[in-house]
Amino acid sequence: MEARKVFKNVIETEEELRALLGFPSELVKNKVISSLDGHCRDFISKSPFLVLSTSDSDGQCDASPRGDSPGFVLVLDDKWLVIPERRGNKKMDSLRNVVTNPHVGLLFLIPGLGETLRINGKAVIIKDDELLEKMEVKGKRPLLGIAIEVEECFIHCAKAFKRSKLWEMDSWLENGLLPSAAKILSDHAKLPGYNDRVIAESLQAGYKERLY
C-alpha cells in the first residue's frame, strides 16, 4: 500500500475504527429508510442541487454536481427517481460508470439549510421519451435520464455546514480572491492557443448559450 510510504499509522479495519470512534446512537441506527416518503419527496422538490457519486467496475470513483431549478429531479414513486442529463462536455464520467457499475450515492442540498438528504441505490441510463418530456426546460428535453432505484435514504446532520459556514455570506471570499477556473484549465490542459483569456470567454459563452 503506497499510503504506508507516506503515513506512519494507517487504520485498516472496522474494529480499529470502532475502538476509536465508538458506535452510532439508536436514533442514527434507525434513521435510514428504504423508500421515498413524504418528507423525502418534499426535500427533493425544494432542492436545486445534488452531488451524484459513482464508480466504475474497478472501483475508481467520481462525484459530479447536478443542478437546475428546485424540483428538477423527477420522482416517479416511492422507489424510483430520475435525474435529467443535460448537455455537457461529453466526458460522461457518471454515465460511463453507471453502465458498468449501477451503485450510486446522492447528496441533495437546499440553499440555507444545513441538513442534507442522502440517497443510495442502483441506477440505469434511460431515454424514455414520455419521462424526458416531463423534464424539458426552455423547449429542450434532456438527452438522457439517470433513473435510480432507491435502497436507502436518510437525513444527514448540519455539522459540516456549520463548521464550514458555507451558507454564511460573511465567510465568502471576495471575487478577486476566488480561484480562476479559466487559469486552472489553461495550466492543466497546456494546449496551444488556449490561454486563460480564451478559455474564460469560451466558458462564459457556454454558460450563456448552452446551459440547455
Protein backbone atom coordinates (compact mmCIF):
# COMPACT_ATOMS: atom_id res chain seq x y z
CA MET A 1 0.00 0.00 0.00
CA GLU A 2 1.50 3.32 -1.12
CA ALA A 3 -0.05 5.12 1.88
CA ARG A 4 2.37 3.31 4.18
CA LYS A 5 5.25 5.12 2.48
CA VAL A 6 3.66 8.46 3.38
CA PHE A 7 1.85 7.88 6.70
CA LYS A 8 3.10 6.22 9.88
CA ASN A 9 -0.21 5.00 11.32
CA VAL A 10 -2.84 3.73 8.88
CA ILE A 11 -6.22 2.41 10.07
CA GLU A 12 -7.10 -0.76 8.13
CA THR A 13 -10.03 -2.47 9.88
CA GLU A 14 -13.51 -1.59 11.11
CA GLU A 15 -12.51 -2.91 14.53
CA GLU A 16 -9.81 -0.24 14.76
CA LEU A 17 -12.30 2.41 13.70
CA ARG A 18 -14.89 1.32 16.26
CA ALA A 19 -12.26 1.30 19.03
CA LEU A 20 -11.53 4.93 18.26
CA LEU A 21 -14.94 6.31 17.30
CA GLY A 22 -17.46 4.05 19.01
CA PHE A 23 -20.93 3.09 17.78
CA PRO A 24 -23.91 5.12 16.50
CA SER A 25 -26.84 6.07 18.71
CA GLU A 26 -30.22 4.37 18.43
CA LEU A 27 -31.56 7.38 16.52
CA VAL A 28 -28.75 7.20 13.97
CA LYS A 29 -29.14 3.43 13.58
CA ASN A 30 -32.87 3.77 12.93
CA LYS A 31 -32.98 6.87 10.72
CA VAL A 32 -32.39 5.02 7.43
CA ILE A 33 -35.49 4.15 5.39
CA SER A 34 -35.72 2.20 2.14
CA SER A 35 -38.21 4.30 0.17
CA LEU A 36 -39.13 7.90 -0.56
CA ASP A 37 -41.72 9.03 1.96
CA GLY A 38 -43.46 12.42 2.02
CA HIS A 39 -40.54 14.10 3.80
CA CYS A 40 -38.01 12.88 1.22
CA ARG A 41 -40.23 13.93 -1.67
CA ASP A 42 -40.71 17.37 -0.16
CA PHE A 43 -36.94 17.76 0.32
CA ILE A 44 -36.25 16.73 -3.30
CA SER A 45 -38.93 19.11 -4.61
CA LYS A 46 -37.15 22.03 -2.91
CA SER A 47 -33.61 21.07 -3.86
CA PRO A 48 -31.92 22.80 -6.83
CA PHE A 49 -28.63 20.94 -6.46
CA LEU A 50 -27.24 17.47 -5.81
CA VAL A 51 -23.97 15.59 -5.98
CA LEU A 52 -24.01 12.24 -7.78
CA SER A 53 -21.36 9.72 -6.69
CA THR A 54 -20.49 6.79 -8.96
CA SER A 55 -17.64 4.36 -9.52
CA ASP A 56 -16.56 2.15 -12.37
CA SER A 57 -16.15 -1.62 -12.35
CA ASP A 58 -12.64 -1.24 -10.88
CA GLY A 59 -13.84 0.99 -8.04
CA GLN A 60 -12.46 4.24 -9.46
CA CYS A 61 -14.77 6.91 -8.01
CA ASP A 62 -16.31 10.11 -9.28
CA ALA A 63 -18.52 12.82 -7.75
CA SER A 64 -20.45 15.03 -10.15
CA PRO A 65 -22.63 18.09 -9.45
CA ARG A 66 -26.14 18.32 -10.91
CA GLY A 67 -28.25 21.45 -10.65
CA ASP A 68 -31.34 23.16 -12.03
CA SER A 69 -34.49 24.81 -10.75
CA PRO A 70 -35.84 23.36 -7.48
CA GLY A 71 -37.61 20.08 -8.14
CA PHE A 72 -35.63 19.31 -11.30
CA VAL A 73 -35.34 15.66 -10.23
CA LEU A 74 -38.41 13.68 -11.29
CA VAL A 75 -39.83 11.42 -8.57
CA LEU A 76 -41.85 8.59 -10.13
CA ASP A 77 -42.96 6.78 -6.96
CA ASP A 78 -41.61 5.75 -3.58
CA LYS A 79 -38.76 3.72 -5.14
CA TRP A 80 -37.73 5.48 -8.35
CA LEU A 81 -36.43 8.94 -9.26
CA VAL A 82 -34.89 10.32 -12.46
CA ILE A 83 -32.10 12.89 -12.82
CA PRO A 84 -32.11 14.74 -16.17
CA GLU A 85 -28.85 14.55 -18.13
CA ARG A 86 -28.40 17.98 -19.72
CA ARG A 87 -25.83 18.98 -22.33
CA GLY A 88 -22.29 18.74 -21.00
CA ASN A 89 -18.68 18.33 -22.05
CA LYS A 90 -19.24 14.78 -23.37
CA LYS A 91 -16.72 13.28 -20.95
CA MET A 92 -19.62 11.28 -19.48
CA ASP A 93 -17.86 10.12 -16.32
CA SER A 94 -21.08 9.40 -14.42
CA LEU A 95 -22.83 7.76 -17.36
CA ARG A 96 -19.92 5.50 -18.24
CA ASN A 97 -19.62 4.46 -14.60
CA VAL A 98 -23.32 3.63 -14.28
CA VAL A 99 -23.16 1.41 -17.37
CA THR A 100 -20.50 -0.76 -15.70
CA ASN A 101 -21.47 -0.35 -12.03
CA PRO A 102 -25.05 0.62 -11.08
CA HIS A 103 -24.36 1.54 -7.45
CA VAL A 104 -24.71 5.28 -6.83
CA GLY A 105 -24.99 7.78 -3.99
CA LEU A 106 -26.82 11.12 -3.99
CA LEU A 107 -26.49 14.15 -1.75
CA PHE A 108 -29.35 16.67 -2.07
CA LEU A 109 -28.80 20.25 -0.88
CA ILE A 110 -31.19 23.14 -0.24
CA PRO A 111 -29.53 26.58 -0.03
CA GLY A 112 -29.56 27.91 3.52
CA LEU A 113 -30.34 24.52 5.07
CA GLY A 114 -27.53 22.71 6.85
CA GLU A 115 -29.12 19.27 6.83
CA THR A 116 -28.87 17.28 3.60
CA LEU A 117 -30.72 14.29 2.16
CA ARG A 118 -28.63 11.28 1.27
CA ILE A 119 -29.88 8.54 -1.05
CA ASN A 120 -28.16 5.32 -2.10
CA GLY A 121 -29.37 2.95 -4.77
CA LYS A 122 -28.88 1.41 -8.19
CA ALA A 123 -29.02 3.40 -11.44
CA VAL A 124 -29.75 2.81 -15.10
CA ILE A 125 -29.50 5.16 -18.09
CA ILE A 126 -32.86 5.73 -19.79
CA LYS A 127 -34.18 7.50 -22.89
CA ASP A 128 -37.94 7.10 -22.34
CA ASP A 129 -39.50 9.96 -24.32
CA GLU A 130 -42.51 10.42 -22.04
CA LEU A 131 -40.27 10.88 -18.99
CA LEU A 132 -37.71 13.10 -20.69
CA GLU A 133 -40.53 15.37 -21.87
CA LYS A 134 -41.55 15.98 -18.26
CA MET A 135 -38.07 17.37 -17.55
CA GLU A 136 -38.00 19.71 -20.53
CA VAL A 137 -36.70 23.24 -19.87
CA LYS A 138 -36.96 26.18 -22.29
CA GLY A 139 -38.19 23.88 -25.02
CA LYS A 140 -35.26 21.48 -24.69
CA ARG A 141 -35.50 17.96 -23.36
CA PRO A 142 -32.61 16.33 -21.52
CA LEU A 143 -30.62 14.00 -23.73
CA LEU A 144 -30.97 11.10 -21.30
CA GLY A 145 -32.10 10.36 -17.77
CA ILE A 146 -30.35 8.66 -14.87
CA ALA A 147 -33.05 6.55 -13.21
CA ILE A 148 -32.28 5.45 -9.66
CA GLU A 149 -33.96 2.74 -7.65
CA VAL A 150 -33.84 3.88 -4.03
CA GLU A 151 -32.39 1.48 -1.48
CA GLU A 152 -31.51 3.82 1.36
CA CYS A 153 -32.41 7.40 2.25
CA PHE A 154 -31.73 9.43 5.34
CA ILE A 155 -31.13 12.92 6.65
CA HIS A 156 -27.54 13.96 7.33
CA CYS A 157 -26.85 16.46 10.11
CA ALA A 158 -25.61 20.03 9.57
CA LYS A 159 -22.23 19.83 11.35
CA ALA A 160 -20.17 20.14 8.15
CA PHE A 161 -22.13 23.19 7.02
CA LYS A 162 -21.85 24.84 10.42
CA ARG A 163 -18.11 24.21 10.59
CA SER A 164 -17.54 25.49 7.07
CA LYS A 165 -20.02 28.39 7.36
CA LEU A 166 -20.98 27.52 3.78
CA TRP A 167 -24.25 29.47 3.76
CA GLU A 168 -22.91 32.45 5.74
CA MET A 169 -22.13 35.20 3.21
CA ASP A 170 -19.73 36.94 5.60
CA SER A 171 -17.40 33.94 5.26
CA TRP A 172 -17.35 34.01 1.45
CA LEU A 173 -14.21 35.15 -0.37
CA GLU A 174 -14.28 38.36 -2.37
CA ASN A 175 -14.43 37.83 -6.13
CA GLY A 176 -10.81 38.88 -6.59
CA LEU A 177 -9.64 36.14 -4.23
CA LEU A 178 -11.58 33.29 -5.83
CA PRO A 179 -9.70 30.69 -7.90
CA SER A 180 -9.89 31.22 -11.66
CA ALA A 181 -11.37 28.21 -13.45
CA ALA A 182 -10.00 29.53 -16.76
CA LYS A 183 -6.47 29.84 -15.38
CA ILE A 184 -6.64 26.37 -13.85
CA LEU A 185 -7.90 24.83 -17.11
CA SER A 186 -5.24 26.62 -19.13
CA ASP A 187 -2.40 25.46 -16.89
CA HIS A 188 -3.72 21.90 -16.65
CA ALA A 189 -4.53 21.37 -20.36
CA LYS A 190 -1.42 23.09 -21.77
CA LEU A 191 -2.94 23.32 -25.27
CA PRO A 192 -1.59 25.77 -27.87
CA GLY A 193 -3.90 28.77 -28.27
CA TYR A 194 -5.87 28.02 -25.10
CA ASN A 195 -4.71 30.70 -22.69
CA ASP A 196 -6.83 31.73 -19.74
CA ARG A 197 -8.45 34.62 -21.64
CA VAL A 198 -9.61 32.36 -24.47
CA ILE A 199 -10.90 29.76 -22.05
CA ALA A 200 -12.68 32.37 -19.92
CA GLU A 201 -14.51 33.66 -22.99
CA SER A 202 -15.43 30.12 -24.01
CA LEU A 203 -16.75 29.34 -20.52
CA GLN A 204 -18.88 32.48 -20.43
CA ALA A 205 -20.28 31.75 -23.90
CA GLY A 206 -21.17 28.24 -22.78
CA TYR A 207 -22.90 29.48 -19.64
CA LYS A 208 -24.85 32.00 -21.69
CA GLU A 209 -25.77 29.90 -24.71
CA ARG A 210 -25.51 26.19 -23.86
CA LEU A 211 -26.96 25.57 -20.42
CA TYR A 212 -29.74 23.54 -22.03
